[in-house]
Amino acid sequence: MITTKEFDEIRPYEPEEMQQAFNDLLNDRQFSLVMKGFAPWLPKSVRNGLLRLAFIGVKTPLDFQKRFMKPVVKHIIRKHTDGCSFEDTALKSNHNYPLSTIHSPLDERFTFVSNHRDIVLDSAFLDVLLFDSGYPTTVEIGIGDNLLIYPWIKHLVRMNKAFTVRRGLSLRETLASSQLMSRYIHFAVTQKKENIWIAQREGRAKDSNDRTQDAVLKMLAMGGDLKELNIVPLTISYEYDPCDYLKAQEFQQKRDNPAFKKSRQDDLDNMKTGIFGYKGRVIYRPAAPINTWIDELKDLPKAEYFKAIAERMDHEIHRGYELYPCNYIALDELNGRAEHTAHYTEADKQHFEAYLEAQLAKITLPNKDEAFLRERMLTMYANPAINKLRVDSL
C-alpha cells in the first residue's frame, strides 16, 4: 500500500502499527478503569489476557472493526434502537457515472457527506450497514481532536479508522490543517481505496435544520478534483434523538449567557447519552453520487459554484428524510394547526407528549425556561418535516 509520512499526525494507524497501539491501550491506566467497569469481578491480568486472545489475527484497522467494533455496534442497535436500515438502491443503480471504470458498484469507493445526528454512531452505524449490505470495506472518519481528551481514546479511534480534525486553531493554522486533511482524504479514496464519512458541517445542527456548509466542499476541493472523491449525499433519519434535551439545554445556556461554551465533560456526556439513549427507528438513505450531476454546474462563477453544489446536496439530503409520526406532530404543534393528522394517531400524539415531558424533566438548569425548552425540542423534530415537505412540493 502506498503511504506517506506527510499524514502521520492525522491518519489512522497503519497495519504494522496496530500491535503496538493495542499494547499501549492495555497499558493505559484510564483504559483499564473503563474495562474494569464492564467486568469488575475479573482481575486486570485476566481482562487483559482475554483481550489479547481476542486480538489474535487482527492485522488491520478493518480487522479491528470486524472483531471488536461490529459486535458492539450490533448490540447498541439491538438494545437502543427499533431497527437500523440502509436503503442503498441509489448507489447500486447508479454506477455509470463519469469516474466509474468497473462493473460492480460494490467495488466503488465513496465519500459520504451526511447530516449529523450523533458524534459516535453516525459513522459506526454506517460501518455495520455497509458490512451487512455486502460492501467490502467501511469508512474512515474525521473526528475532532477536542474529543480526544485521553490518550486511550486517541489510540482507540485511530485503530478504528479515524483521522484527526484539529480544532481551536488560528485562521492561518486552520487553513494549513484543512489543506492537509483534504490531501489526506483524496489520498485515502484514490490510493488507499477507502471510503470516507464526513459531516456536512462542523458540529451537529442542534435544531436539525440540516444545511451543507460550502466551506466543507471548499475544503474537500483543496486536495484535488471533487469528482475523484465520488461524493454521496447521505441522509440519516433518527426517530428520536437521545441528546435532544441536552441540545435544548445548550440553547437556553447560550441564550442566557452568549459566552457559554461546552466543557470537555459536556462533550463526553453527549457522547455517552447519544450511544446509550433510545433512538427509535434509524434509516440511512444515500442519494446518487454528485458525479451524476455536478457537470451541470461547471460553468458557474467560482464564487457561486460551491454554494450551488451545497444547495443541490441539501435538496438530496432533505428528499431522503424518513419522516416519523413525531416529526408531523411537532410541526402541527409548532404551527398550532392540525394539517398532518393523516400521518399520526391520537396514540402517537400521546406517546410523543409523554416522551417530551420525560426528556424535559432531565434538564436541571436553575433558571429552567420550560416554554422555551419545549419550543426548541419541537423545532428539532419539526425541521426535517419542514425541509422534506418543501422539497417534495417542488
Protein backbone atom coordinates (compact mmCIF):
# COMPACT_ATOMS: atom_id res chain seq x y z
CA MET A 1 0.00 0.00 0.00
CA ILE A 2 1.24 3.46 -0.90
CA THR A 3 1.77 5.63 2.14
CA THR A 4 3.44 8.90 3.04
CA LYS A 5 4.80 10.47 6.21
CA GLU A 6 3.02 13.71 5.31
CA PHE A 7 -0.13 12.46 7.04
CA ASP A 8 1.45 10.84 10.12
CA GLU A 9 -0.04 13.43 12.52
CA ILE A 10 -3.64 12.85 11.46
CA ARG A 11 -4.06 9.46 9.77
CA PRO A 12 -5.41 6.20 11.26
CA TYR A 13 -2.91 3.54 12.25
CA GLU A 14 -1.24 1.51 9.53
CA PRO A 15 -1.34 -2.32 9.83
CA GLU A 16 2.23 -2.51 11.11
CA GLU A 17 1.34 -0.12 13.97
CA MET A 18 -1.69 -1.99 15.24
CA GLN A 19 0.06 -4.33 17.70
CA GLN A 20 1.98 -1.52 19.43
CA ALA A 21 -1.18 0.58 19.61
CA PHE A 22 -3.03 -2.32 21.20
CA ASN A 23 -0.26 -2.81 23.75
CA ASP A 24 -0.32 0.90 24.58
CA LEU A 25 -4.09 0.65 25.07
CA LEU A 26 -3.79 -2.25 27.51
CA ASN A 27 -1.08 -0.43 29.47
CA ASP A 28 -3.14 2.75 29.82
CA ARG A 29 -4.41 3.19 33.38
CA GLN A 30 -7.58 5.05 32.43
CA PHE A 31 -8.46 2.46 29.79
CA SER A 32 -8.02 -0.25 32.44
CA LEU A 33 -10.51 1.58 34.66
CA VAL A 34 -13.01 1.73 31.79
CA MET A 35 -12.61 -2.01 31.15
CA LYS A 36 -12.99 -2.72 34.87
CA GLY A 37 -16.42 -1.12 34.69
CA PHE A 38 -17.53 -3.79 32.22
CA ALA A 39 -16.26 -6.75 34.27
CA PRO A 40 -15.38 -5.59 37.81
CA TRP A 41 -15.20 -9.16 39.07
CA LEU A 42 -12.26 -10.03 36.79
CA PRO A 43 -8.67 -9.23 37.77
CA LYS A 44 -6.85 -6.86 35.40
CA SER A 45 -4.49 -9.62 34.26
CA VAL A 46 -7.43 -11.82 33.26
CA ARG A 47 -9.20 -8.97 31.41
CA ASN A 48 -6.04 -8.12 29.51
CA GLY A 49 -5.40 -11.76 28.76
CA LEU A 50 -8.87 -12.17 27.26
CA LEU A 51 -8.40 -9.03 25.18
CA ARG A 52 -5.02 -10.26 23.93
CA LEU A 53 -6.61 -13.57 22.98
CA ALA A 54 -9.36 -11.77 21.08
CA PHE A 55 -6.77 -9.63 19.30
CA ILE A 56 -5.05 -12.63 17.73
CA GLY A 57 -5.37 -12.36 13.95
CA VAL A 58 -6.17 -8.63 13.99
CA LYS A 59 -3.73 -7.15 11.48
CA THR A 60 -5.51 -4.04 10.16
CA PRO A 61 -7.97 -1.39 11.36
CA LEU A 62 -10.65 -3.17 9.29
CA ASP A 63 -9.89 -6.42 11.16
CA PHE A 64 -10.22 -4.47 14.41
CA GLN A 65 -13.63 -3.17 13.38
CA LYS A 66 -14.85 -6.63 12.44
CA ARG A 67 -13.57 -8.27 15.61
CA PHE A 68 -14.33 -5.64 18.24
CA MET A 69 -16.49 -2.80 16.96
CA LYS A 70 -19.06 -4.61 14.84
CA PRO A 71 -20.38 -6.75 17.74
CA VAL A 72 -20.54 -3.67 19.99
CA VAL A 73 -22.45 -1.61 17.43
CA LYS A 74 -24.78 -4.53 16.68
CA HIS A 75 -25.53 -4.70 20.41
CA ILE A 76 -26.28 -0.96 20.51
CA ILE A 77 -28.64 -1.35 17.54
CA ARG A 78 -30.47 -4.23 19.23
CA LYS A 79 -30.70 -2.58 22.64
CA HIS A 80 -31.09 1.13 21.88
CA THR A 81 -32.95 1.32 18.55
CA ASP A 82 -36.04 -0.20 16.97
CA GLY A 83 -34.01 -1.18 13.92
CA CYS A 84 -31.36 0.41 11.73
CA SER A 85 -31.52 0.01 7.93
CA PHE A 86 -29.61 1.11 4.84
CA GLU A 87 -31.51 1.80 1.63
CA ASP A 88 -28.69 1.79 -0.92
CA THR A 89 -30.66 1.42 -4.16
CA ALA A 90 -29.35 4.79 -5.39
CA LEU A 91 -25.77 3.54 -5.16
CA LYS A 92 -26.39 0.12 -6.66
CA SER A 93 -28.38 1.51 -9.60
CA ASN A 94 -26.11 4.43 -10.49
CA HIS A 95 -22.71 3.04 -11.48
CA ASN A 96 -22.43 4.57 -14.95
CA TYR A 97 -21.33 7.98 -13.77
CA PRO A 98 -18.15 9.64 -15.16
CA LEU A 99 -15.43 8.14 -12.97
CA SER A 100 -16.73 4.60 -12.96
CA THR A 101 -14.21 2.23 -14.51
CA ILE A 102 -15.51 -1.03 -13.09
CA HIS A 103 -18.70 -3.02 -13.41
CA SER A 104 -19.89 -3.54 -9.85
CA PRO A 105 -20.89 -0.62 -7.59
CA LEU A 106 -19.66 -2.70 -4.63
CA ASP A 107 -16.13 -2.02 -5.89
CA GLU A 108 -16.63 1.75 -5.86
CA ARG A 109 -15.29 3.94 -3.08
CA PHE A 110 -17.36 6.84 -1.80
CA THR A 111 -17.05 9.99 0.26
CA PHE A 112 -20.30 10.04 2.23
CA VAL A 113 -21.31 13.58 3.23
CA SER A 114 -24.26 13.43 5.59
CA ASN A 115 -26.36 15.34 8.04
CA HIS A 116 -25.04 14.81 11.56
CA ARG A 117 -27.08 13.33 14.38
CA ASP A 118 -24.65 11.55 16.70
CA ILE A 119 -20.96 12.18 17.43
CA VAL A 120 -20.05 8.49 17.54
CA LEU A 121 -22.82 6.46 15.97
CA ASP A 122 -23.41 8.22 12.63
CA SER A 123 -20.29 6.59 11.20
CA ALA A 124 -20.40 3.46 13.40
CA PHE A 125 -23.89 2.54 12.20
CA LEU A 126 -22.80 3.23 8.62
CA ASP A 127 -19.87 0.82 9.01
CA VAL A 128 -22.15 -2.02 10.09
CA LEU A 129 -24.74 -1.22 7.42
CA LEU A 130 -22.06 -1.31 4.71
CA PHE A 131 -20.85 -4.67 6.02
CA ASP A 132 -24.37 -6.07 6.05
CA SER A 133 -25.06 -4.76 2.54
CA GLY A 134 -22.07 -6.64 1.13
CA TYR A 135 -19.64 -3.74 0.72
CA PRO A 136 -16.00 -4.87 1.09
CA THR A 137 -14.88 -2.11 3.46
CA THR A 138 -16.17 0.52 5.87
CA VAL A 139 -15.44 4.24 6.18
CA GLU A 140 -12.60 6.32 7.52
CA ILE A 141 -13.94 9.21 9.55
CA GLY A 142 -12.78 12.61 10.69
CA ILE A 143 -13.01 13.16 14.44
CA GLY A 144 -12.31 16.43 16.20
CA ASP A 145 -9.30 16.45 18.49
CA ASN A 146 -11.50 18.17 21.11
CA LEU A 147 -12.98 14.72 21.76
CA LEU A 148 -9.60 13.01 22.13
CA ILE A 149 -9.20 14.11 25.72
CA TYR A 150 -7.40 10.97 26.90
CA PRO A 151 -4.56 9.06 25.20
CA TRP A 152 -6.60 5.83 25.21
CA ILE A 153 -9.41 7.49 23.23
CA LYS A 154 -6.90 8.62 20.61
CA HIS A 155 -5.42 5.11 20.36
CA LEU A 156 -8.87 3.57 20.08
CA VAL A 157 -10.19 5.85 17.35
CA ARG A 158 -7.02 5.58 15.26
CA MET A 159 -7.32 1.79 15.46
CA ASN A 160 -10.91 2.28 14.31
CA LYS A 161 -10.07 4.04 11.00
CA ALA A 162 -10.37 7.61 12.27
CA PHE A 163 -8.28 10.55 11.15
CA THR A 164 -7.91 13.65 13.31
CA VAL A 165 -9.56 17.01 12.62
CA ARG A 166 -7.75 19.75 14.54
CA ARG A 167 -9.96 22.28 16.34
CA GLY A 168 -9.37 25.63 18.04
CA LEU A 169 -6.66 26.84 15.66
CA SER A 170 -5.78 30.29 14.43
CA LEU A 171 -7.00 31.30 10.97
CA ARG A 172 -3.60 30.57 9.44
CA GLU A 173 -3.30 27.20 11.22
CA THR A 174 -6.85 26.28 10.22
CA LEU A 175 -6.03 26.85 6.54
CA ALA A 176 -2.92 24.66 6.72
CA SER A 177 -4.81 21.98 8.66
CA SER A 178 -7.67 21.99 6.13
CA GLN A 179 -5.26 21.64 3.24
CA LEU A 180 -3.54 18.69 4.90
CA MET A 181 -6.83 16.99 5.72
CA SER A 182 -8.09 17.48 2.17
CA ARG A 183 -4.95 15.97 0.69
CA TYR A 184 -5.32 13.05 3.07
CA ILE A 185 -8.96 12.44 2.08
CA HIS A 186 -8.04 12.41 -1.61
CA PHE A 187 -5.12 10.08 -0.82
CA ALA A 188 -7.39 7.75 1.19
CA VAL A 189 -10.03 7.48 -1.55
CA THR A 190 -7.80 7.30 -4.62
CA GLN A 191 -4.76 5.40 -3.32
CA LYS A 192 -5.75 3.55 -0.16
CA LYS A 193 -9.12 2.74 -1.76
CA GLU A 194 -11.04 3.66 1.37
CA ASN A 195 -14.49 5.14 1.82
CA ILE A 196 -14.76 8.38 3.80
CA TRP A 197 -17.55 9.69 6.02
CA ILE A 198 -17.68 13.38 6.87
CA ALA A 199 -20.45 15.57 8.27
CA GLN A 200 -21.95 18.24 6.02
CA ARG A 201 -20.98 20.92 8.55
CA GLU A 202 -18.74 21.39 11.55
CA GLY A 203 -20.66 20.10 14.55
CA ARG A 204 -24.26 18.98 14.67
CA ALA A 205 -27.18 21.15 13.60
CA LYS A 206 -28.73 21.39 17.04
CA ASP A 207 -32.12 22.35 15.63
CA SER A 208 -31.95 19.57 12.96
CA ASN A 209 -32.20 22.18 10.20
CA ASP A 210 -29.53 20.43 8.17
CA ARG A 211 -27.54 22.55 5.73
CA THR A 212 -24.30 21.71 3.91
CA GLN A 213 -21.61 24.28 4.55
CA ASP A 214 -19.94 25.24 1.29
CA ALA A 215 -16.76 25.58 3.40
CA VAL A 216 -16.77 21.78 3.77
CA LEU A 217 -16.87 21.38 -0.01
CA LYS A 218 -14.15 24.01 -0.47
CA MET A 219 -12.01 22.06 2.00
CA LEU A 220 -12.58 18.82 0.07
CA ALA A 221 -11.58 20.58 -3.15
CA MET A 222 -8.27 21.83 -1.74
CA GLY A 223 -6.64 18.44 -2.29
CA GLY A 224 -7.84 17.80 -5.85
CA ASP A 225 -10.86 17.42 -8.09
CA LEU A 226 -14.13 16.84 -6.23
CA LYS A 227 -15.08 14.22 -8.80
CA GLU A 228 -12.37 11.80 -7.72
CA LEU A 229 -13.89 11.73 -4.22
CA ASN A 230 -17.15 10.25 -5.53
CA ILE A 231 -19.21 12.30 -3.07
CA VAL A 232 -22.53 10.80 -1.97
CA PRO A 233 -25.14 12.93 -0.13
CA LEU A 234 -26.36 10.72 2.73
CA THR A 235 -29.48 11.23 4.83
CA ILE A 236 -29.58 9.93 8.40
CA SER A 237 -33.05 9.82 9.98
CA TYR A 238 -33.38 9.11 13.72
CA GLU A 239 -36.90 8.76 15.04
CA TYR A 240 -35.78 10.07 18.43
CA ASP A 241 -32.61 11.97 19.31
CA PRO A 242 -31.47 10.96 22.81
CA CYS A 243 -29.45 14.20 23.03
CA ASP A 244 -32.46 16.40 22.25
CA TYR A 245 -32.79 17.65 25.82
CA LEU A 246 -29.05 18.38 26.03
CA LYS A 247 -29.27 20.42 22.83
CA ALA A 248 -32.31 22.30 24.16
CA GLN A 249 -30.44 22.95 27.42
CA GLU A 250 -27.49 24.35 25.48
CA PHE A 251 -29.82 26.66 23.55
CA GLN A 252 -31.01 28.17 26.84
CA GLN A 253 -27.48 28.38 28.26
CA LYS A 254 -26.33 30.30 25.18
CA ARG A 255 -29.43 32.48 25.25
CA ASP A 256 -28.83 33.40 28.88
CA ASN A 257 -25.06 33.70 28.50
CA PRO A 258 -23.82 34.34 24.94
CA ALA A 259 -20.27 33.49 26.06
CA PHE A 260 -21.26 29.99 27.22
CA LYS A 261 -19.10 27.17 25.88
CA LYS A 262 -19.44 23.45 26.49
CA SER A 263 -16.75 21.78 28.56
CA ARG A 264 -14.90 18.63 27.57
CA GLN A 265 -17.02 16.81 30.12
CA ASP A 266 -20.12 18.11 28.34
CA ASP A 267 -18.79 16.57 25.11
CA LEU A 268 -18.27 13.23 26.86
CA ASP A 269 -21.77 13.38 28.37
CA ASN A 270 -23.19 13.99 24.89
CA MET A 271 -21.25 11.02 23.54
CA LYS A 272 -22.47 8.73 26.32
CA THR A 273 -26.09 9.87 26.03
CA GLY A 274 -26.04 9.51 22.24
CA ILE A 275 -24.67 5.97 22.40
CA PHE A 276 -26.84 4.57 25.18
CA GLY A 277 -30.02 6.61 24.70
CA TYR A 278 -33.15 5.38 22.88
CA LYS A 279 -33.23 6.29 19.19
CA GLY A 280 -36.33 4.51 17.88
CA ARG A 281 -36.10 3.67 14.18
CA VAL A 282 -32.98 4.69 12.26
CA ILE A 283 -32.72 4.83 8.46
CA TYR A 284 -29.72 5.65 6.26
CA ARG A 285 -30.60 6.70 2.71
CA PRO A 286 -27.85 7.65 0.22
CA ALA A 287 -28.61 9.64 -2.91
CA ALA A 288 -26.85 9.10 -6.23
CA PRO A 289 -23.24 10.40 -6.27
CA ILE A 290 -22.89 14.07 -7.17
CA ASN A 291 -20.81 12.98 -10.19
CA THR A 292 -24.13 12.24 -11.88
CA TRP A 293 -24.98 15.96 -11.96
CA ILE A 294 -22.00 18.10 -10.95
CA ASP A 295 -21.05 18.88 -14.58
CA GLU A 296 -24.33 20.79 -14.91
CA LEU A 297 -22.76 23.43 -12.62
CA LYS A 298 -19.28 23.64 -14.16
CA ASP A 299 -19.90 26.95 -15.96
CA LEU A 300 -20.94 28.81 -12.83
CA PRO A 301 -18.62 31.53 -11.49
CA LYS A 302 -16.29 30.18 -8.83
CA ALA A 303 -17.98 32.29 -6.15
CA GLU A 304 -21.29 30.53 -6.87
CA TYR A 305 -20.03 27.03 -7.68
CA PHE A 306 -19.64 25.56 -4.19
CA LYS A 307 -22.80 27.25 -2.95
CA ALA A 308 -24.75 25.65 -5.81
CA ILE A 309 -23.31 22.21 -5.06
CA ALA A 310 -24.20 22.60 -1.37
CA GLU A 311 -27.77 23.61 -2.22
CA ARG A 312 -28.19 20.65 -4.55
CA MET A 313 -26.80 18.31 -1.91
CA ASP A 314 -29.22 19.76 0.65
CA HIS A 315 -32.06 19.05 -1.79
CA GLU A 316 -30.95 15.41 -1.99
CA ILE A 317 -30.45 15.04 1.76
CA HIS A 318 -33.81 16.62 2.58
CA ARG A 319 -35.55 14.46 -0.02
CA GLY A 320 -34.05 11.41 1.67
CA TYR A 321 -35.53 12.04 5.13
CA GLU A 322 -37.72 9.35 6.63
CA LEU A 323 -40.49 11.22 8.45
CA TYR A 324 -41.91 9.60 11.58
CA PRO A 325 -45.16 10.47 13.40
CA CYS A 326 -43.23 12.63 15.88
CA ASN A 327 -41.99 14.89 13.05
CA TYR A 328 -45.54 15.62 11.87
CA ILE A 329 -46.82 16.03 15.44
CA ALA A 330 -44.08 18.53 16.27
CA LEU A 331 -44.80 20.51 13.11
CA ASP A 332 -48.52 20.69 13.86
CA GLU A 333 -47.89 21.73 17.48
CA LEU A 334 -45.49 24.48 16.45
CA ASN A 335 -47.94 25.80 13.88
CA GLY A 336 -50.94 25.46 16.20
CA ARG A 337 -52.78 23.58 13.46
CA ALA A 338 -53.76 20.01 12.61
CA GLU A 339 -52.63 19.83 8.99
CA HIS A 340 -50.83 16.49 9.13
CA THR A 341 -53.09 14.31 11.26
CA ALA A 342 -53.24 11.72 8.46
CA HIS A 343 -49.66 10.81 9.41
CA TYR A 344 -50.24 10.06 13.10
CA THR A 345 -52.82 8.72 15.52
CA GLU A 346 -54.00 10.02 18.86
CA ALA A 347 -51.91 7.28 20.47
CA ASP A 348 -48.86 8.53 18.57
CA LYS A 349 -49.52 12.03 19.87
CA GLN A 350 -49.91 10.91 23.48
CA HIS A 351 -46.72 8.86 23.22
CA PHE A 352 -44.75 11.81 21.85
CA GLU A 353 -46.11 14.17 24.52
CA ALA A 354 -45.05 11.73 27.24
CA TYR A 355 -41.62 11.43 25.62
CA LEU A 356 -41.17 15.22 25.52
CA GLU A 357 -42.15 15.58 29.16
CA ALA A 358 -39.72 12.86 30.22
CA GLN A 359 -36.86 14.44 28.26
CA LEU A 360 -37.60 17.95 29.56
CA ALA A 361 -37.60 16.58 33.12
CA LYS A 362 -33.93 15.62 32.65
CA ILE A 363 -32.96 19.30 32.32
CA THR A 364 -31.85 20.67 35.69
CA LEU A 365 -30.96 24.27 34.92
CA PRO A 366 -31.57 26.56 37.93
CA ASN A 367 -33.49 29.06 35.79
CA LYS A 368 -35.24 26.44 33.64
CA ASP A 369 -37.46 28.04 30.97
CA GLU A 370 -39.96 25.27 30.23
CA ALA A 371 -41.75 27.06 27.39
CA PHE A 372 -38.51 27.95 25.60
CA LEU A 373 -37.05 24.46 26.05
CA ARG A 374 -40.20 22.80 24.76
CA GLU A 375 -40.28 25.06 21.69
CA ARG A 376 -36.62 24.21 20.98
CA MET A 377 -37.31 20.48 21.17
CA LEU A 378 -40.41 20.73 18.99
CA THR A 379 -38.37 22.67 16.43
CA MET A 380 -35.76 19.89 16.33
CA TYR A 381 -38.40 17.36 15.39
CA ALA A 382 -40.32 19.67 13.05
CA ASN A 383 -37.43 20.84 10.87
CA PRO A 384 -36.90 17.55 8.98
CA ALA A 385 -40.60 17.61 8.07
CA ILE A 386 -40.43 21.28 7.02
CA ASN A 387 -37.43 20.62 4.79
CA LYS A 388 -38.71 17.40 3.23
CA LEU A 389 -42.21 18.74 2.57
CA ARG A 390 -40.72 21.79 0.87
CA VAL A 391 -38.51 19.65 -1.39
CA ASP A 392 -41.36 17.25 -2.19
CA SER A 393 -43.55 20.17 -3.25
CA LEU A 394 -41.05 21.46 -5.84
